[in-house]
Amino acid sequence: MNAPMRTVTNDTPTNGQAESRTPRSARVGVSILCEVRQGTRPWKQARLEDLSPGGFRIALLPDARTEVPLRIRIPGLQLLSARICWSRNGTVGCEFDEPLHVAVFDHIVRAAG
């Protein structure tokens, strides 16, 4: 059974201080089983927890290395490349090398629903 989708935004800095930066695009909570790989390591199954046209969060990827590009296979899509922006307690936040087209993003969200 799929988890309910939720839209999450991050337009306000978490430290309460005003910053001049571009807000991230809206993220949608999803639960999608995919495959990820870094460098020549073997493919691993991972779960996407949220997704935006610009990036995604993976629930658990404990041995991820932020300096190594990540490849991701989302069911029904071509192989995508991303970089790991942050890693905390095995959870990683990634940015796609090329943002998803809005139609592709909408398709993924609908298919995950």
N, C-alpha and C. Protein backbone atom coordinates (compact mmCIF):
# COMPACT_ATOMS: atom_id res chain seq x y z
N MET A 1 0.84 -1.17 0.00
CA MET A 1 0.00 0.00 0.00
C MET A 1 0.88 1.23 0.00
N ASN A 2 0.63 2.17 -0.90
CA ASN A 2 1.45 3.37 -1.00
C ASN A 2 1.10 4.36 0.09
N ALA A 3 2.12 5.07 0.54
CA ALA A 3 1.91 6.12 1.53
C ALA A 3 1.20 7.29 0.86
N PRO A 4 0.38 8.06 1.59
CA PRO A 4 -0.29 9.20 0.99
C PRO A 4 0.73 10.25 0.55
N MET A 5 0.43 10.91 -0.55
CA MET A 5 1.33 11.95 -1.05
C MET A 5 1.09 13.24 -0.30
N ARG A 6 2.15 13.99 -0.12
CA ARG A 6 2.04 15.29 0.51
C ARG A 6 2.97 16.24 -0.21
N THR A 7 2.58 17.49 -0.25
CA THR A 7 3.44 18.51 -0.85
C THR A 7 4.20 19.19 0.26
N VAL A 8 5.51 19.29 0.10
CA VAL A 8 6.38 19.90 1.09
C VAL A 8 7.12 21.03 0.40
N THR A 9 7.16 22.19 1.03
CA THR A 9 7.95 23.27 0.47
C THR A 9 9.00 23.68 1.47
N ASN A 10 10.03 24.30 0.99
CA ASN A 10 11.11 24.76 1.85
C ASN A 10 11.52 26.15 1.42
N ASP A 11 10.60 27.10 1.55
CA ASP A 11 10.87 28.46 1.13
C ASP A 11 11.45 29.31 2.26
N THR A 12 11.39 28.83 3.50
CA THR A 12 11.87 29.58 4.64
C THR A 12 13.06 28.86 5.24
N PRO A 13 14.16 29.58 5.50
CA PRO A 13 15.30 28.93 6.12
C PRO A 13 14.92 28.34 7.46
N THR A 14 15.49 27.18 7.79
CA THR A 14 15.15 26.51 9.04
C THR A 14 15.78 27.19 10.25
N ASN A 15 16.78 28.04 10.04
CA ASN A 15 17.42 28.68 11.17
C ASN A 15 16.73 29.98 11.58
N GLY A 16 15.63 30.34 10.89
CA GLY A 16 14.88 31.53 11.25
C GLY A 16 15.47 32.83 10.74
N GLN A 17 16.61 32.78 10.09
CA GLN A 17 17.24 33.99 9.60
C GLN A 17 16.92 34.16 8.12
N ALA A 18 16.74 35.42 7.73
CA ALA A 18 16.47 35.71 6.32
C ALA A 18 17.73 35.46 5.52
N GLU A 19 17.59 34.82 4.40
CA GLU A 19 18.70 34.57 3.49
C GLU A 19 18.25 34.95 2.09
N SER A 20 19.20 35.39 1.27
CA SER A 20 18.85 35.66 -0.11
C SER A 20 19.25 34.44 -0.92
N ARG A 21 18.28 33.63 -1.23
CA ARG A 21 18.51 32.43 -2.04
C ARG A 21 17.24 32.13 -2.81
N THR A 22 17.38 31.33 -3.83
CA THR A 22 16.22 30.94 -4.62
C THR A 22 15.50 29.81 -3.90
N PRO A 23 14.18 29.93 -3.70
CA PRO A 23 13.45 28.85 -3.03
C PRO A 23 13.47 27.59 -3.87
N ARG A 24 13.50 26.44 -3.19
CA ARG A 24 13.42 25.17 -3.90
C ARG A 24 12.01 25.00 -4.44
N SER A 25 11.89 24.22 -5.49
CA SER A 25 10.57 23.94 -6.03
C SER A 25 9.81 23.04 -5.05
N ALA A 26 8.50 23.04 -5.19
CA ALA A 26 7.66 22.22 -4.30
C ALA A 26 8.04 20.76 -4.43
N ARG A 27 8.09 20.09 -3.30
CA ARG A 27 8.39 18.67 -3.27
C ARG A 27 7.10 17.91 -2.98
N VAL A 28 7.00 16.71 -3.53
CA VAL A 28 5.83 15.88 -3.30
C VAL A 28 6.29 14.62 -2.58
N GLY A 29 5.62 14.29 -1.49
CA GLY A 29 5.93 13.07 -0.79
C GLY A 29 5.49 11.87 -1.62
N VAL A 30 6.40 10.96 -1.87
CA VAL A 30 6.12 9.75 -2.65
C VAL A 30 6.76 8.57 -1.94
N SER A 31 6.47 7.41 -2.40
CA SER A 31 7.14 6.20 -1.93
C SER A 31 7.36 5.34 -3.16
N ILE A 32 8.55 5.47 -3.75
CA ILE A 32 8.86 4.79 -5.01
C ILE A 32 10.11 3.95 -4.82
N LEU A 33 10.01 2.67 -5.11
CA LEU A 33 11.17 1.79 -5.07
C LEU A 33 11.95 1.98 -6.37
N CYS A 34 13.23 2.28 -6.24
CA CYS A 34 14.07 2.50 -7.42
C CYS A 34 15.42 1.83 -7.19
N GLU A 35 16.33 2.01 -8.13
CA GLU A 35 17.68 1.48 -7.99
C GLU A 35 18.66 2.62 -8.10
N VAL A 36 19.71 2.58 -7.27
CA VAL A 36 20.74 3.62 -7.30
C VAL A 36 22.12 2.99 -7.34
N ARG A 37 23.05 3.78 -7.84
CA ARG A 37 24.43 3.31 -7.95
C ARG A 37 25.37 4.50 -7.89
N GLN A 38 26.49 4.29 -7.24
CA GLN A 38 27.56 5.29 -7.23
C GLN A 38 28.82 4.66 -7.80
N GLY A 39 29.40 5.33 -8.78
CA GLY A 39 30.63 4.82 -9.38
C GLY A 39 30.45 3.42 -9.93
N THR A 40 31.38 2.53 -9.55
CA THR A 40 31.31 1.15 -10.04
C THR A 40 30.69 0.20 -9.00
N ARG A 41 30.15 0.75 -7.94
CA ARG A 41 29.48 -0.08 -6.94
C ARG A 41 28.28 -0.76 -7.56
N PRO A 42 27.84 -1.88 -6.96
CA PRO A 42 26.65 -2.56 -7.50
C PRO A 42 25.39 -1.72 -7.34
N TRP A 43 24.39 -1.99 -8.16
CA TRP A 43 23.09 -1.34 -8.03
C TRP A 43 22.46 -1.78 -6.71
N LYS A 44 21.77 -0.83 -6.05
CA LYS A 44 21.07 -1.12 -4.80
C LYS A 44 19.64 -0.63 -4.91
N GLN A 45 18.74 -1.34 -4.26
CA GLN A 45 17.37 -0.84 -4.19
C GLN A 45 17.32 0.25 -3.13
N ALA A 46 16.53 1.29 -3.42
CA ALA A 46 16.36 2.41 -2.49
C ALA A 46 14.94 2.93 -2.64
N ARG A 47 14.47 3.63 -1.63
CA ARG A 47 13.11 4.18 -1.66
C ARG A 47 13.18 5.71 -1.71
N LEU A 48 12.56 6.27 -2.76
CA LEU A 48 12.42 7.72 -2.83
C LEU A 48 11.31 8.13 -1.86
N GLU A 49 11.58 9.13 -1.03
CA GLU A 49 10.57 9.61 -0.09
C GLU A 49 9.93 10.90 -0.53
N ASP A 50 10.67 11.72 -1.23
CA ASP A 50 10.05 12.89 -1.82
C ASP A 50 10.76 13.24 -3.11
N LEU A 51 10.05 14.01 -3.93
CA LEU A 51 10.51 14.28 -5.28
C LEU A 51 10.09 15.68 -5.68
N SER A 52 10.96 16.35 -6.40
CA SER A 52 10.64 17.63 -7.04
C SER A 52 11.26 17.58 -8.43
N PRO A 53 10.92 18.51 -9.30
CA PRO A 53 11.57 18.50 -10.61
C PRO A 53 13.09 18.63 -10.50
N GLY A 54 13.57 19.24 -9.44
CA GLY A 54 15.00 19.46 -9.29
C GLY A 54 15.76 18.42 -8.50
N GLY A 55 15.06 17.57 -7.74
CA GLY A 55 15.79 16.61 -6.93
C GLY A 55 14.89 15.67 -6.16
N PHE A 56 15.48 14.98 -5.19
CA PHE A 56 14.75 13.94 -4.46
C PHE A 56 15.47 13.62 -3.16
N ARG A 57 14.76 12.89 -2.29
CA ARG A 57 15.34 12.39 -1.05
C ARG A 57 15.19 10.87 -1.04
N ILE A 58 16.27 10.19 -0.66
CA ILE A 58 16.27 8.74 -0.54
C ILE A 58 16.24 8.41 0.95
N ALA A 59 15.35 7.48 1.30
CA ALA A 59 15.13 7.13 2.71
C ALA A 59 16.36 6.55 3.39
N LEU A 60 17.05 5.65 2.73
CA LEU A 60 18.17 5.00 3.39
C LEU A 60 19.23 4.60 2.37
N LEU A 61 20.35 5.25 2.45
CA LEU A 61 21.51 4.93 1.63
C LEU A 61 22.75 5.19 2.49
N PRO A 62 22.99 4.29 3.47
CA PRO A 62 23.95 4.58 4.53
C PRO A 62 25.41 4.77 4.09
N ASP A 63 25.83 4.16 3.00
CA ASP A 63 27.23 4.27 2.60
C ASP A 63 27.44 5.25 1.44
N ALA A 64 26.51 6.18 1.26
CA ALA A 64 26.61 7.15 0.17
C ALA A 64 27.80 8.08 0.40
N ARG A 65 28.45 8.43 -0.69
CA ARG A 65 29.59 9.36 -0.65
C ARG A 65 29.21 10.61 -1.43
N THR A 66 29.22 11.75 -0.77
CA THR A 66 28.77 13.00 -1.40
C THR A 66 29.65 13.42 -2.57
N GLU A 67 30.89 12.97 -2.61
CA GLU A 67 31.79 13.38 -3.69
C GLU A 67 31.65 12.54 -4.95
N VAL A 68 30.84 11.47 -4.91
CA VAL A 68 30.68 10.57 -6.06
C VAL A 68 29.28 10.76 -6.66
N PRO A 69 29.20 11.01 -7.97
CA PRO A 69 27.88 11.15 -8.61
C PRO A 69 27.02 9.91 -8.40
N LEU A 70 25.73 10.12 -8.42
CA LEU A 70 24.75 9.05 -8.20
C LEU A 70 23.97 8.83 -9.48
N ARG A 71 23.72 7.58 -9.82
CA ARG A 71 22.85 7.22 -10.94
C ARG A 71 21.60 6.62 -10.33
N ILE A 72 20.44 6.96 -10.91
CA ILE A 72 19.18 6.46 -10.37
C ILE A 72 18.30 5.96 -11.49
N ARG A 73 17.69 4.80 -11.25
CA ARG A 73 16.72 4.22 -12.19
C ARG A 73 15.36 4.25 -11.51
N ILE A 74 14.51 5.13 -11.98
CA ILE A 74 13.13 5.21 -11.51
C ILE A 74 12.31 4.40 -12.50
N PRO A 75 11.46 3.48 -12.04
CA PRO A 75 10.72 2.62 -12.97
C PRO A 75 10.02 3.42 -14.07
N GLY A 76 10.23 2.97 -15.31
CA GLY A 76 9.59 3.60 -16.45
C GLY A 76 10.33 4.79 -17.04
N LEU A 77 11.48 5.15 -16.46
CA LEU A 77 12.25 6.29 -16.96
C LEU A 77 13.64 5.85 -17.37
N GLN A 78 14.28 6.72 -18.13
CA GLN A 78 15.66 6.48 -18.49
C GLN A 78 16.56 6.67 -17.27
N LEU A 79 17.78 6.23 -17.35
CA LEU A 79 18.75 6.40 -16.30
C LEU A 79 18.99 7.90 -16.08
N LEU A 80 18.96 8.33 -14.83
CA LEU A 80 19.15 9.74 -14.48
C LEU A 80 20.40 9.89 -13.63
N SER A 81 21.04 11.04 -13.72
CA SER A 81 22.23 11.34 -12.92
C SER A 81 21.91 12.44 -11.93
N ALA A 82 22.57 12.36 -10.78
CA ALA A 82 22.33 13.35 -9.73
C ALA A 82 23.59 13.49 -8.89
N ARG A 83 23.59 14.52 -8.06
CA ARG A 83 24.66 14.68 -7.09
C ARG A 83 24.03 14.69 -5.70
N ILE A 84 24.74 14.15 -4.74
CA ILE A 84 24.26 14.15 -3.36
C ILE A 84 24.61 15.50 -2.75
N CYS A 85 23.59 16.21 -2.30
CA CYS A 85 23.78 17.53 -1.70
C CYS A 85 24.01 17.44 -0.19
N TRP A 86 23.39 16.48 0.44
CA TRP A 86 23.54 16.29 1.89
C TRP A 86 23.26 14.84 2.26
N SER A 87 23.78 14.46 3.41
CA SER A 87 23.58 13.11 3.94
C SER A 87 23.49 13.21 5.46
N ARG A 88 22.43 12.63 6.03
CA ARG A 88 22.22 12.63 7.48
C ARG A 88 21.62 11.30 7.91
N ASN A 89 22.34 10.60 8.77
CA ASN A 89 21.84 9.34 9.33
C ASN A 89 21.36 8.37 8.26
N GLY A 90 22.08 8.29 7.15
CA GLY A 90 21.73 7.37 6.09
C GLY A 90 20.74 7.89 5.07
N THR A 91 20.09 9.01 5.36
CA THR A 91 19.16 9.64 4.42
C THR A 91 19.96 10.63 3.58
N VAL A 92 19.67 10.67 2.27
CA VAL A 92 20.40 11.59 1.40
C VAL A 92 19.44 12.46 0.59
N GLY A 93 19.86 13.69 0.37
CA GLY A 93 19.14 14.62 -0.48
C GLY A 93 19.96 14.85 -1.74
N CYS A 94 19.33 14.73 -2.89
CA CYS A 94 20.04 14.78 -4.16
C CYS A 94 19.44 15.81 -5.11
N GLU A 95 20.28 16.29 -6.00
CA GLU A 95 19.85 17.22 -7.05
C GLU A 95 20.12 16.57 -8.40
N PHE A 96 19.09 16.53 -9.25
CA PHE A 96 19.28 15.98 -10.60
C PHE A 96 20.28 16.84 -11.36
N ASP A 97 21.11 16.21 -12.21
CA ASP A 97 22.01 16.97 -13.07
C ASP A 97 21.21 17.88 -14.01
N GLU A 98 20.11 17.36 -14.50
CA GLU A 98 19.18 18.12 -15.35
C GLU A 98 17.80 17.99 -14.72
N PRO A 99 17.12 19.11 -14.42
CA PRO A 99 15.79 19.00 -13.80
C PRO A 99 14.83 18.20 -14.67
N LEU A 100 13.89 17.52 -14.02
CA LEU A 100 12.87 16.78 -14.74
C LEU A 100 11.93 17.75 -15.45
N HIS A 101 11.52 17.39 -16.65
CA HIS A 101 10.49 18.16 -17.34
C HIS A 101 9.21 18.04 -16.52
N VAL A 102 8.41 19.09 -16.48
CA VAL A 102 7.20 19.09 -15.66
C VAL A 102 6.27 17.93 -16.01
N ALA A 103 6.18 17.55 -17.27
CA ALA A 103 5.32 16.43 -17.68
C ALA A 103 5.87 15.11 -17.12
N VAL A 104 7.17 14.95 -17.10
CA VAL A 104 7.79 13.73 -16.56
C VAL A 104 7.56 13.69 -15.04
N PHE A 105 7.76 14.82 -14.38
CA PHE A 105 7.52 14.91 -12.94
C PHE A 105 6.07 14.55 -12.62
N ASP A 106 5.12 15.14 -13.35
CA ASP A 106 3.70 14.84 -13.12
C ASP A 106 3.40 13.36 -13.33
N HIS A 107 4.00 12.76 -14.36
CA HIS A 107 3.80 11.34 -14.65
C HIS A 107 4.28 10.47 -13.49
N ILE A 108 5.46 10.77 -12.96
CA ILE A 108 6.01 9.99 -11.84
C ILE A 108 5.09 10.10 -10.63
N VAL A 109 4.66 11.32 -10.32
CA VAL A 109 3.79 11.53 -9.16
C VAL A 109 2.48 10.79 -9.31
N ARG A 110 1.87 10.87 -10.51
CA ARG A 110 0.61 10.14 -10.75
C ARG A 110 0.82 8.63 -10.62
N ALA A 111 1.92 8.12 -11.19
CA ALA A 111 2.17 6.68 -11.13
C ALA A 111 2.44 6.22 -9.70
N ALA A 112 3.00 7.08 -8.87
CA ALA A 112 3.29 6.72 -7.47
C ALA A 112 2.04 6.78 -6.60
N GLY A 113 1.00 7.50 -7.08
CA GLY A 113 -0.21 7.72 -6.30
C GLY A 113 -1.07 6.53 -6.25
